[in-house]
Amino acid sequence: MLRYAVTTLLPKPPQLPSPDELASQLRAVLTDWAEVQWCASTGSTNTDLLQAVKAGAPAPRLLGTHLQEQGRGRAGRSFQAGAGDALMFSCAFATSLPLMALPTLSVAFGLAATDILAANVITPDALSMKWPNDIQWHGAKLAGLLTEAAPARSGAHPHDSSGVRQIVIGMGMNLRGADRLSHDLGRAVADWACTGSAAPIHSIVAGLARAWQETVAWAERTWKSAHGLAGLASRHARRDALRGQPISVQDQGEELYRGIAAGIDDFGHLLVDTPAGRTRVVAGDISVRPRAAAPRTSGR
C-alpha cells in the first residue's frame, strides 16, 4: 500500500528568501569562504561548481539556486523541482584525499547532513538515512545528495591519485509539495514543511555547509586506505534506515543481491546478509522488499 507524505505541521510551507537576500544572509555567516552565491536559475549547481574549480576558482565556495533546469542526481538521474519548491545548493572543497575515498566521504556527507537537519526539528529520530545518502523523514524521501570530484590543476588526469583535488557536494531537499510528488511518483515523499521546523532557511544551509567542511577535515585526519574512516559505521548505525530490512540491490534494473541489510563498514560499503553469506555493496540501487507474511496456523 502506498504511504503518502506526512501531514504538514506548519501553517504554510517554508518560503525561500529572494536569491540576493539569501546570498547576503549566508555571506554574513560564512565569512571565511572564498565565494557564496545564490541565483534565481541555473542548469546545475554541481556542474557550475565543477567547471569553476576546474578553471582554478578557490574553495570553499557555495552556489545555490531557486531553480535547476538540468539538475542531476545519482546514476545520472535528473532532479526537477519548481522554483522555490526545493532547497538546491552545492559546495566545493579542496582536499588531499585520494579518489578511492570519495564513496566513503559521500556516505559521511549524508550523515553530517542528517545530523544537522535533525538538530533543527522537534522529533529528530524521525530523520534517517537510506544508504548511500538519501535522507528520509518517517521513511519518506526528503533529500538526496550527489558527490563528485574534479582535478584541481587544469589539464591534470581525472584519475591522478596525487596532490590536492576539488570535491563538490550537492543537495536537493523538498521544501513543499510532498503530497503532489507522492501521488505523481507513486511512492512516499516528504518535504521540510512536514517536519514542523521553524528554522530560518539560511541557518539550515549554513549549518550544512559548515558540517560538510568539518567532514572533509575529519576525513583528512582519519582516512586510512586499509581501514576507511574509523567510527563511520557506528555513526551510521544511529541513522540507518535499512538495517534489519529485507532489501534488493540492483544495478541498471538487474538484481544483484537479495538479503537483509546489516549496516555498513568503515569504508561506507553496505553490508547485506544473503543466502550465500555477507556481501559488501559498493554501489547500487536499494529497494526495501516487503517481508513474507507469516504462515497461518490452525486454531485447533
C-alpha atoms as a PDB file:
ATOM      1  CA  MET A   1       0.000   0.000   0.000  1.00  0.00           C
ATOM      2  CA  LEU A   2       1.317   3.442  -0.912  1.00  0.00           C
ATOM      3  CA  ARG A   3       2.188   5.565   2.086  1.00  0.00           C
ATOM      4  CA  TYR A   4       1.827   9.239   1.343  1.00  0.00           C
ATOM      5  CA  ALA A   5       3.670  12.163   2.845  1.00  0.00           C
ATOM      6  CA  VAL A   6       3.356  13.087   6.496  1.00  0.00           C
ATOM      7  CA  THR A   7       0.735  15.742   7.190  1.00  0.00           C
ATOM      8  CA  THR A   8       2.166  19.251   7.112  1.00  0.00           C
ATOM      9  CA  LEU A   9       2.500  20.789  10.573  1.00  0.00           C
ATOM     10  CA  LEU A  10       3.345  24.368   9.653  1.00  0.00           C
ATOM     11  CA  PRO A  11       0.513  26.790   8.797  1.00  0.00           C
ATOM     12  CA  LYS A  12       2.114  27.248   5.369  1.00  0.00           C
ATOM     13  CA  PRO A  13       5.146  25.802   3.548  1.00  0.00           C
ATOM     14  CA  PRO A  14       8.534  27.458   4.130  1.00  0.00           C
ATOM     15  CA  GLN A  15       9.389  30.175   1.644  1.00  0.00           C
ATOM     16  CA  LEU A  16      12.827  30.817   0.207  1.00  0.00           C
ATOM     17  CA  PRO A  17      14.076  34.391   0.610  1.00  0.00           C
ATOM     18  CA  SER A  18      14.978  36.147  -2.636  1.00  0.00           C
ATOM     19  CA  PRO A  19      18.283  34.992  -4.166  1.00  0.00           C
ATOM     20  CA  ASP A  20      20.014  38.247  -3.249  1.00  0.00           C
ATOM     21  CA  GLU A  21      18.697  38.178   0.315  1.00  0.00           C
ATOM     22  CA  LEU A  22      19.647  34.549   0.840  1.00  0.00           C
ATOM     23  CA  ALA A  23      23.140  35.132  -0.552  1.00  0.00           C
ATOM     24  CA  SER A  24      23.595  38.123   1.758  1.00  0.00           C
ATOM     25  CA  GLN A  25      22.434  36.138   4.808  1.00  0.00           C
ATOM     26  CA  LEU A  26      24.827  33.299   4.011  1.00  0.00           C
ATOM     27  CA  ARG A  27      27.807  35.578   3.385  1.00  0.00           C
ATOM     28  CA  ALA A  28      27.254  37.106   6.818  1.00  0.00           C
ATOM     29  CA  VAL A  29      27.750  33.654   8.355  1.00  0.00           C
ATOM     30  CA  LEU A  30      30.275  32.018   6.006  1.00  0.00           C
ATOM     31  CA  THR A  31      32.689  34.930   6.243  1.00  0.00           C
ATOM     32  CA  ASP A  32      35.801  32.846   5.570  1.00  0.00           C
ATOM     33  CA  TRP A  33      34.513  31.225   2.376  1.00  0.00           C
ATOM     34  CA  ALA A  34      36.035  32.176  -0.960  1.00  0.00           C
ATOM     35  CA  GLU A  35      32.649  32.758  -2.584  1.00  0.00           C
ATOM     36  CA  VAL A  36      28.963  32.397  -1.711  1.00  0.00           C
ATOM     37  CA  GLN A  37      26.346  32.895  -4.426  1.00  0.00           C
ATOM     38  CA  TRP A  38      22.634  32.227  -4.848  1.00  0.00           C
ATOM     39  CA  CYS A  39      20.938  32.692  -8.198  1.00  0.00           C
ATOM     40  CA  ALA A  40      17.380  32.627  -9.495  1.00  0.00           C
ATOM     41  CA  SER A  41      18.065  29.899 -12.054  1.00  0.00           C
ATOM     42  CA  THR A  42      20.904  27.778 -13.439  1.00  0.00           C
ATOM     43  CA  GLY A  43      21.448  24.471 -15.158  1.00  0.00           C
ATOM     44  CA  SER A  44      23.038  22.536 -12.287  1.00  0.00           C
ATOM     45  CA  THR A  45      24.827  23.880  -9.219  1.00  0.00           C
ATOM     46  CA  ASN A  46      27.120  20.841  -9.162  1.00  0.00           C
ATOM     47  CA  THR A  47      28.063  21.316 -12.817  1.00  0.00           C
ATOM     48  CA  ASP A  48      28.643  25.038 -12.328  1.00  0.00           C
ATOM     49  CA  LEU A  49      30.949  24.497  -9.353  1.00  0.00           C
ATOM     50  CA  LEU A  50      32.843  21.680 -11.097  1.00  0.00           C
ATOM     51  CA  GLN A  51      33.522  23.999 -14.019  1.00  0.00           C
ATOM     52  CA  ALA A  52      34.583  26.798 -11.674  1.00  0.00           C
ATOM     53  CA  VAL A  53      37.086  24.735  -9.699  1.00  0.00           C
ATOM     54  CA  LYS A  54      38.474  23.119 -12.853  1.00  0.00           C
ATOM     55  CA  ALA A  55      39.221  26.651 -14.040  1.00  0.00           C
ATOM     56  CA  GLY A  56      41.116  27.365 -10.820  1.00  0.00           C
ATOM     57  CA  ALA A  57      38.481  29.096  -8.678  1.00  0.00           C
ATOM     58  CA  PRO A  58      39.400  28.932  -4.970  1.00  0.00           C
ATOM     59  CA  ALA A  59      37.479  26.934  -2.360  1.00  0.00           C
ATOM     60  CA  PRO A  60      35.485  26.632  -0.224  1.00  0.00           C
ATOM     61  CA  ARG A  61      32.624  28.039  -2.254  1.00  0.00           C
ATOM     62  CA  LEU A  62      28.840  27.683  -2.230  1.00  0.00           C
ATOM     63  CA  LEU A  63      26.334  28.045  -5.058  1.00  0.00           C
ATOM     64  CA  GLY A  64      22.576  27.758  -4.597  1.00  0.00           C
ATOM     65  CA  THR A  65      19.614  28.345  -6.855  1.00  0.00           C
ATOM     66  CA  HIS A  66      15.837  28.692  -6.713  1.00  0.00           C
ATOM     67  CA  LEU A  67      15.514  26.661  -9.931  1.00  0.00           C
ATOM     68  CA  GLN A  68      17.700  23.995 -11.546  1.00  0.00           C
ATOM     69  CA  GLU A  69      16.937  23.415 -15.216  1.00  0.00           C
ATOM     70  CA  GLN A  70      19.297  20.445 -15.572  1.00  0.00           C
ATOM     71  CA  GLY A  71      19.578  19.135 -12.014  1.00  0.00           C
ATOM     72  CA  ARG A  72      21.344  15.810 -11.593  1.00  0.00           C
ATOM     73  CA  GLY A  73      21.082  13.037  -9.043  1.00  0.00           C
ATOM     74  CA  ARG A  74      22.928   9.767  -8.542  1.00  0.00           C
ATOM     75  CA  ALA A  75      23.436   7.449 -11.534  1.00  0.00           C
ATOM     76  CA  GLY A  76      22.733  10.305 -13.941  1.00  0.00           C
ATOM     77  CA  ARG A  77      19.101  10.717 -12.920  1.00  0.00           C
ATOM     78  CA  SER A  78      17.518  14.122 -13.358  1.00  0.00           C
ATOM     79  CA  PHE A  79      16.345  16.168 -10.380  1.00  0.00           C
ATOM     80  CA  GLN A  80      13.494  18.534 -11.137  1.00  0.00           C
ATOM     81  CA  ALA A  81      11.529  20.880  -8.906  1.00  0.00           C
ATOM     82  CA  GLY A  82       9.585  24.072  -9.423  1.00  0.00           C
ATOM     83  CA  ALA A  83      11.133  27.401  -8.470  1.00  0.00           C
ATOM     84  CA  GLY A  84      11.140  27.649  -4.676  1.00  0.00           C
ATOM     85  CA  ASP A  85       9.815  24.111  -4.165  1.00  0.00           C
ATOM     86  CA  ALA A  86      13.178  22.694  -3.138  1.00  0.00           C
ATOM     87  CA  LEU A  87      16.376  23.750  -1.423  1.00  0.00           C
ATOM     88  CA  MET A  88      19.104  23.221  -4.040  1.00  0.00           C
ATOM     89  CA  PHE A  89      22.739  24.102  -3.495  1.00  0.00           C
ATOM     90  CA  SER A  90      26.284  22.768  -3.806  1.00  0.00           C
ATOM     91  CA  CYS A  91      29.592  23.306  -2.003  1.00  0.00           C
ATOM     92  CA  ALA A  92      33.137  22.849  -3.297  1.00  0.00           C
ATOM     93  CA  PHE A  93      36.132  21.954  -1.127  1.00  0.00           C
ATOM     94  CA  ALA A  94      39.810  21.371  -1.772  1.00  0.00           C
ATOM     95  CA  THR A  95      41.142  18.124  -0.318  1.00  0.00           C
ATOM     96  CA  SER A  96      44.180  15.888  -0.385  1.00  0.00           C
ATOM     97  CA  LEU A  97      42.038  12.756  -0.049  1.00  0.00           C
ATOM     98  CA  PRO A  98      42.537  10.148  -2.807  1.00  0.00           C
ATOM     99  CA  LEU A  99      39.744   9.383  -5.263  1.00  0.00           C
ATOM    100  CA  MET A 100      39.272   5.979  -3.634  1.00  0.00           C
ATOM    101  CA  ALA A 101      37.989   7.786  -0.533  1.00  0.00           C
ATOM    102  CA  LEU A 102      35.188   9.554  -2.432  1.00  0.00           C
ATOM    103  CA  PRO A 103      32.449   6.887  -1.952  1.00  0.00           C
ATOM    104  CA  THR A 104      33.264   6.765   1.764  1.00  0.00           C
ATOM    105  CA  LEU A 105      33.169  10.543   2.005  1.00  0.00           C
ATOM    106  CA  SER A 106      29.817  10.580   0.208  1.00  0.00           C
ATOM    107  CA  VAL A 107      28.283   8.483   2.985  1.00  0.00           C
ATOM    108  CA  ALA A 108      29.889  10.721   5.612  1.00  0.00           C
ATOM    109  CA  PHE A 109      28.410  13.807   3.939  1.00  0.00           C
ATOM    110  CA  GLY A 110      24.954  12.222   4.132  1.00  0.00           C
ATOM    111  CA  LEU A 111      25.343  11.504   7.836  1.00  0.00           C
ATOM    112  CA  ALA A 112      26.536  15.047   8.531  1.00  0.00           C
ATOM    113  CA  ALA A 113      23.533  16.471   6.675  1.00  0.00           C
ATOM    114  CA  THR A 114      21.101  14.196   8.506  1.00  0.00           C
ATOM    115  CA  ASP A 115      22.520  15.261  11.870  1.00  0.00           C
ATOM    116  CA  ILE A 116      22.222  18.969  11.001  1.00  0.00           C
ATOM    117  CA  LEU A 117      18.612  18.594   9.886  1.00  0.00           C
ATOM    118  CA  ALA A 118      17.816  16.530  12.993  1.00  0.00           C
ATOM    119  CA  ALA A 119      19.137  19.348  15.176  1.00  0.00           C
ATOM    120  CA  ASN A 120      16.509  21.652  13.677  1.00  0.00           C
ATOM    121  CA  VAL A 121      13.352  19.564  14.161  1.00  0.00           C
ATOM    122  CA  ILE A 122      11.256  18.671  17.197  1.00  0.00           C
ATOM    123  CA  THR A 123      11.404  14.909  16.547  1.00  0.00           C
ATOM    124  CA  PRO A 124      14.989  14.222  15.387  1.00  0.00           C
ATOM    125  CA  ASP A 125      14.535  10.439  15.492  1.00  0.00           C
ATOM    126  CA  ALA A 126      12.125  10.747  12.562  1.00  0.00           C
ATOM    127  CA  LEU A 127      15.108  11.502  10.321  1.00  0.00           C
ATOM    128  CA  SER A 128      17.144   8.611   8.960  1.00  0.00           C
ATOM    129  CA  MET A 129      19.484   7.898   6.073  1.00  0.00           C
ATOM    130  CA  LYS A 130      18.965   5.311   3.370  1.00  0.00           C
ATOM    131  CA  TRP A 131      22.315   4.143   2.027  1.00  0.00           C
ATOM    132  CA  PRO A 132      24.277   5.673   0.487  1.00  0.00           C
ATOM    133  CA  ASN A 133      22.958   9.162   1.347  1.00  0.00           C
ATOM    134  CA  ASP A 134      19.221   9.662   0.830  1.00  0.00           C
ATOM    135  CA  ILE A 135      17.697  11.464   3.812  1.00  0.00           C
ATOM    136  CA  GLN A 136      14.264  10.281   4.947  1.00  0.00           C
ATOM    137  CA  TRP A 137      11.531  11.649   7.179  1.00  0.00           C
ATOM    138  CA  HIS A 138       9.427   8.829   8.695  1.00  0.00           C
ATOM    139  CA  GLY A 139      10.667   6.598   5.872  1.00  0.00           C
ATOM    140  CA  ALA A 140       9.728   9.003   3.064  1.00  0.00           C
ATOM    141  CA  LYS A 141      12.479  10.572   0.970  1.00  0.00           C
ATOM    142  CA  LEU A 142      13.162  14.168   1.972  1.00  0.00           C
ATOM    143  CA  ALA A 143      16.520  14.923   0.349  1.00  0.00           C
ATOM    144  CA  GLY A 144      19.263  13.451  -1.800  1.00  0.00           C
ATOM    145  CA  LEU A 145      22.975  14.196  -2.182  1.00  0.00           C
ATOM    146  CA  LEU A 146      25.444  13.920  -5.047  1.00  0.00           C
ATOM    147  CA  THR A 147      29.226  13.969  -4.540  1.00  0.00           C
ATOM    148  CA  GLU A 148      31.616  14.474  -7.446  1.00  0.00           C
ATOM    149  CA  ALA A 149      35.334  15.161  -7.864  1.00  0.00           C
ATOM    150  CA  ALA A 150      37.443  17.238 -10.201  1.00  0.00           C
ATOM    151  CA  PRO A 151      41.220  17.623 -10.547  1.00  0.00           C
ATOM    152  CA  ALA A 152      42.398  20.874  -9.014  1.00  0.00           C
ATOM    153  CA  ARG A 153      45.021  21.525 -11.667  1.00  0.00           C
ATOM    154  CA  SER A 154      43.989  22.385 -15.216  1.00  0.00           C
ATOM    155  CA  GLY A 155      44.993  19.551 -17.528  1.00  0.00           C
ATOM    156  CA  ALA A 156      45.528  17.014 -14.738  1.00  0.00           C
ATOM    157  CA  HIS A 157      44.362  13.490 -15.451  1.00  0.00           C
ATOM    158  CA  PRO A 158      40.998  12.850 -13.724  1.00  0.00           C
ATOM    159  CA  HIS A 159      42.344   9.629 -12.192  1.00  0.00           C
ATOM    160  CA  ASP A 160      45.529  11.195 -10.861  1.00  0.00           C
ATOM    161  CA  SER A 161      45.820   9.978  -7.247  1.00  0.00           C
ATOM    162  CA  SER A 162      48.322  12.597  -6.086  1.00  0.00           C
ATOM    163  CA  GLY A 163      48.066  16.181  -4.909  1.00  0.00           C
ATOM    164  CA  VAL A 164      45.116  18.370  -3.995  1.00  0.00           C
ATOM    165  CA  ARG A 165      41.833  17.949  -5.829  1.00  0.00           C
ATOM    166  CA  GLN A 166      38.405  19.540  -5.582  1.00  0.00           C
ATOM    167  CA  ILE A 167      35.219  17.809  -4.482  1.00  0.00           C
ATOM    168  CA  VAL A 168      31.690  19.093  -4.962  1.00  0.00           C
ATOM    169  CA  ILE A 169      28.743  18.013  -2.824  1.00  0.00           C
ATOM    170  CA  GLY A 170      25.239  18.952  -3.941  1.00  0.00           C
ATOM    171  CA  MET A 171      21.934  18.608  -2.116  1.00  0.00           C
ATOM    172  CA  GLY A 172      18.310  18.803  -3.174  1.00  0.00           C
ATOM    173  CA  MET A 173      15.728  18.892  -0.366  1.00  0.00           C
ATOM    174  CA  ASN A 174      11.986  19.183  -0.889  1.00  0.00           C
ATOM    175  CA  LEU A 175      10.555  22.253   0.810  1.00  0.00           C
ATOM    176  CA  ARG A 176       6.918  21.808  -0.222  1.00  0.00           C
ATOM    177  CA  GLY A 177       4.685  19.760  -2.495  1.00  0.00           C
ATOM    178  CA  ALA A 178       5.207  16.340  -0.892  1.00  0.00           C
ATOM    179  CA  ASP A 179       1.602  15.224  -1.383  1.00  0.00           C
ATOM    180  CA  ARG A 180       1.731  16.000  -5.106  1.00  0.00           C
ATOM    181  CA  LEU A 181       5.129  14.343  -5.507  1.00  0.00           C
ATOM    182  CA  SER A 182       3.991  11.239  -3.629  1.00  0.00           C
ATOM    183  CA  HIS A 183       0.993  10.935  -5.920  1.00  0.00           C
ATOM    184  CA  ASP A 184       2.954  11.576  -9.129  1.00  0.00           C
ATOM    185  CA  LEU A 185       5.851   9.253  -8.267  1.00  0.00           C
ATOM    186  CA  GLY A 186       3.789   6.504  -6.664  1.00  0.00           C
ATOM    187  CA  ARG A 187       5.975   6.379  -3.564  1.00  0.00           C
ATOM    188  CA  ALA A 188       6.279   8.203  -0.272  1.00  0.00           C
ATOM    189  CA  VAL A 189       7.922  11.631  -0.461  1.00  0.00           C
ATOM    190  CA  ALA A 190       8.414  14.121   2.369  1.00  0.00           C
ATOM    191  CA  ASP A 191       9.129  17.842   2.428  1.00  0.00           C
ATOM    192  CA  TRP A 192      10.621  20.207   5.007  1.00  0.00           C
ATOM    193  CA  ALA A 193       7.143  21.505   5.873  1.00  0.00           C
ATOM    194  CA  CYS A 194       6.364  18.007   7.199  1.00  0.00           C
ATOM    195  CA  THR A 195       8.981  18.426   9.925  1.00  0.00           C
ATOM    196  CA  GLY A 196       7.352  21.459  11.524  1.00  0.00           C
ATOM    197  CA  SER A 197      10.736  23.197  11.706  1.00  0.00           C
ATOM    198  CA  ALA A 198      10.716  26.979  12.009  1.00  0.00           C
ATOM    199  CA  ALA A 199      14.482  27.329  11.494  1.00  0.00           C
ATOM    200  CA  PRO A 200      15.435  30.057   9.006  1.00  0.00           C
ATOM    201  CA  ILE A 201      16.456  28.666   5.619  1.00  0.00           C
ATOM    202  CA  HIS A 202      19.821  30.427   5.654  1.00  0.00           C
ATOM    203  CA  SER A 203      20.746  28.865   9.005  1.00  0.00           C
ATOM    204  CA  ILE A 204      19.954  25.402   7.626  1.00  0.00           C
ATOM    205  CA  VAL A 205      22.122  25.985   4.560  1.00  0.00           C
ATOM    206  CA  ALA A 206      24.981  27.483   6.576  1.00  0.00           C
ATOM    207  CA  GLY A 207      24.831  24.615   9.070  1.00  0.00           C
ATOM    208  CA  LEU A 208      25.024  22.048   6.272  1.00  0.00           C
ATOM    209  CA  ALA A 209      27.901  23.858   4.566  1.00  0.00           C
ATOM    210  CA  ARG A 210      29.895  24.032   7.804  1.00  0.00           C
ATOM    211  CA  ALA A 211      29.154  20.392   8.609  1.00  0.00           C
ATOM    212  CA  TRP A 212      30.455  19.284   5.209  1.00  0.00           C
ATOM    213  CA  GLN A 213      33.539  21.433   5.638  1.00  0.00           C
ATOM    214  CA  GLU A 214      34.190  19.793   9.002  1.00  0.00           C
ATOM    215  CA  THR A 215      33.544  16.361   7.474  1.00  0.00           C
ATOM    216  CA  VAL A 216      36.288  16.929   4.900  1.00  0.00           C
ATOM    217  CA  ALA A 217      38.715  17.987   7.650  1.00  0.00           C
ATOM    218  CA  TRP A 218      37.755  14.949   9.773  1.00  0.00           C
ATOM    219  CA  ALA A 219      38.213  12.600   6.818  1.00  0.00           C
ATOM    220  CA  GLU A 220      41.640  14.056   6.025  1.00  0.00           C
ATOM    221  CA  ARG A 221      42.721  13.379   9.617  1.00  0.00           C
ATOM    222  CA  THR A 222      41.131   9.945   9.853  1.00  0.00           C
ATOM    223  CA  TRP A 223      41.158   8.250   6.422  1.00  0.00           C
ATOM    224  CA  LYS A 224      43.321   5.147   6.094  1.00  0.00           C
ATOM    225  CA  SER A 225      43.425   3.243   2.823  1.00  0.00           C
ATOM    226  CA  ALA A 226      43.394  -0.067   4.716  1.00  0.00           C
ATOM    227  CA  HIS A 227      40.622   0.830   7.168  1.00  0.00           C
ATOM    228  CA  GLY A 228      38.477   3.651   5.757  1.00  0.00           C
ATOM    229  CA  LEU A 229      37.102   6.187   8.229  1.00  0.00           C
ATOM    230  CA  ALA A 230      37.296   4.879  11.787  1.00  0.00           C
ATOM    231  CA  GLY A 231      33.938   5.255  13.504  1.00  0.00           C
ATOM    232  CA  LEU A 232      31.899   5.751  10.325  1.00  0.00           C
ATOM    233  CA  ALA A 233      29.953   2.505  10.777  1.00  0.00           C
ATOM    234  CA  SER A 234      28.989   3.308  14.370  1.00  0.00           C
ATOM    235  CA  ARG A 235      27.898   6.840  13.404  1.00  0.00           C
ATOM    236  CA  HIS A 236      25.818   5.405  10.591  1.00  0.00           C
ATOM    237  CA  ALA A 237      24.087   2.910  12.889  1.00  0.00           C
ATOM    238  CA  ARG A 238      22.262   5.747  14.678  1.00  0.00           C
ATOM    239  CA  ARG A 239      20.666   6.930  11.403  1.00  0.00           C
ATOM    240  CA  ASP A 240      20.428   3.675   9.459  1.00  0.00           C
ATOM    241  CA  ALA A 241      17.073   3.383   7.661  1.00  0.00           C
ATOM    242  CA  LEU A 242      17.806  -0.074   6.243  1.00  0.00           C
ATOM    243  CA  ARG A 243      19.320  -2.221   8.999  1.00  0.00           C
ATOM    244  CA  GLY A 244      17.356  -5.435   9.524  1.00  0.00           C
ATOM    245  CA  GLN A 245      15.215  -4.812   6.443  1.00  0.00           C
ATOM    246  CA  PRO A 246      14.857  -7.289   3.583  1.00  0.00           C
ATOM    247  CA  ILE A 247      16.295  -5.482   0.563  1.00  0.00           C
ATOM    248  CA  SER A 248      17.086  -5.914  -3.107  1.00  0.00           C
ATOM    249  CA  VAL A 249      20.281  -4.467  -4.601  1.00  0.00           C
ATOM    250  CA  GLN A 250      20.006  -3.593  -8.274  1.00  0.00           C
ATOM    251  CA  ASP A 251      22.233  -2.133 -10.955  1.00  0.00           C
ATOM    252  CA  GLN A 252      20.648  -0.747 -14.139  1.00  0.00           C
ATOM    253  CA  GLY A 253      17.485  -2.700 -13.440  1.00  0.00           C
ATOM    254  CA  GLU A 254      19.221  -6.037 -12.833  1.00  0.00           C
ATOM    255  CA  GLU A 255      19.029  -7.556  -9.361  1.00  0.00           C
ATOM    256  CA  LEU A 256      22.479  -8.307  -7.979  1.00  0.00           C
ATOM    257  CA  TYR A 257      21.701  -9.383  -4.426  1.00  0.00           C
ATOM    258  CA  ARG A 258      18.774 -10.041  -2.158  1.00  0.00           C
ATOM    259  CA  GLY A 259      19.103 -10.288   1.591  1.00  0.00           C
ATOM    260  CA  ILE A 260      18.935  -8.489   4.922  1.00  0.00           C
ATOM    261  CA  ALA A 261      20.652  -5.117   5.361  1.00  0.00           C
ATOM    262  CA  ALA A 262      23.321  -5.343   8.075  1.00  0.00           C
ATOM    263  CA  GLY A 263      24.685  -1.804   8.317  1.00  0.00           C
ATOM    264  CA  ILE A 264      27.877  -0.534   6.699  1.00  0.00           C
ATOM    265  CA  ASP A 265      31.624  -0.904   7.230  1.00  0.00           C
ATOM    266  CA  ASP A 266      34.072   1.961   7.781  1.00  0.00           C
ATOM    267  CA  PHE A 267      34.533   2.307   4.013  1.00  0.00           C
ATOM    268  CA  GLY A 268      30.851   3.122   3.687  1.00  0.00           C
ATOM    269  CA  HIS A 269      30.093  -0.167   1.918  1.00  0.00           C
ATOM    270  CA  LEU A 270      26.606  -1.532   2.520  1.00  0.00           C
ATOM    271  CA  LEU A 271      26.628  -4.945   4.222  1.00  0.00           C
ATOM    272  CA  VAL A 272      23.979  -7.419   3.111  1.00  0.00           C
ATOM    273  CA  ASP A 273      23.408 -10.856   4.602  1.00  0.00           C
ATOM    274  CA  THR A 274      22.493 -13.088   1.659  1.00  0.00           C
ATOM    275  CA  PRO A 275      21.896 -16.843   1.487  1.00  0.00           C
ATOM    276  CA  ALA A 276      25.499 -17.120   0.251  1.00  0.00           C
ATOM    277  CA  GLY A 277      26.901 -15.103   3.160  1.00  0.00           C
ATOM    278  CA  ARG A 278      27.650 -11.472   3.951  1.00  0.00           C
ATOM    279  CA  THR A 279      28.247  -9.286   0.890  1.00  0.00           C
ATOM    280  CA  ARG A 280      29.743  -5.799   0.664  1.00  0.00           C
ATOM    281  CA  VAL A 281      27.979  -3.488  -1.772  1.00  0.00           C
ATOM    282  CA  VAL A 282      29.952  -0.550  -3.188  1.00  0.00           C
ATOM    283  CA  ALA A 283      27.221   0.911  -5.424  1.00  0.00           C
ATOM    284  CA  GLY A 284      23.681   0.107  -6.446  1.00  0.00           C
ATOM    285  CA  ASP A 285      20.013   0.968  -6.124  1.00  0.00           C
ATOM    286  CA  ILE A 286      18.361  -0.302  -2.973  1.00  0.00           C
ATOM    287  CA  SER A 287      14.704  -1.191  -2.638  1.00  0.00           C
ATOM    288  CA  VAL A 288      13.098  -2.443   0.545  1.00  0.00           C
ATOM    289  CA  ARG A 289      11.179  -5.646  -0.051  1.00  0.00           C
ATOM    290  CA  PRO A 290       8.043  -6.490   1.941  1.00  0.00           C
ATOM    291  CA  ARG A 291       8.545  -9.236   4.470  1.00  0.00           C
ATOM    292  CA  ALA A 292       6.902 -12.532   3.691  1.00  0.00           C
ATOM    293  CA  ALA A 293       3.709 -13.000   5.606  1.00  0.00           C
ATOM    294  CA  ALA A 294       3.935 -15.489   8.447  1.00  0.00           C
ATOM    295  CA  PRO A 295       2.191 -18.787   7.649  1.00  0.00           C
ATOM    296  CA  ARG A 296      -1.267 -19.119   9.082  1.00  0.00           C
ATOM    297  CA  THR A 297      -1.748 -21.740  11.745  1.00  0.00           C
ATOM    298  CA  SER A 298      -4.847 -23.648  12.563  1.00  0.00           C
ATOM    299  CA  GLY A 299      -6.811 -22.582  15.609  1.00  0.00           C
ATOM    300  CA  ARG A 300      -7.265 -26.185  16.637  1.00  0.00           C
END
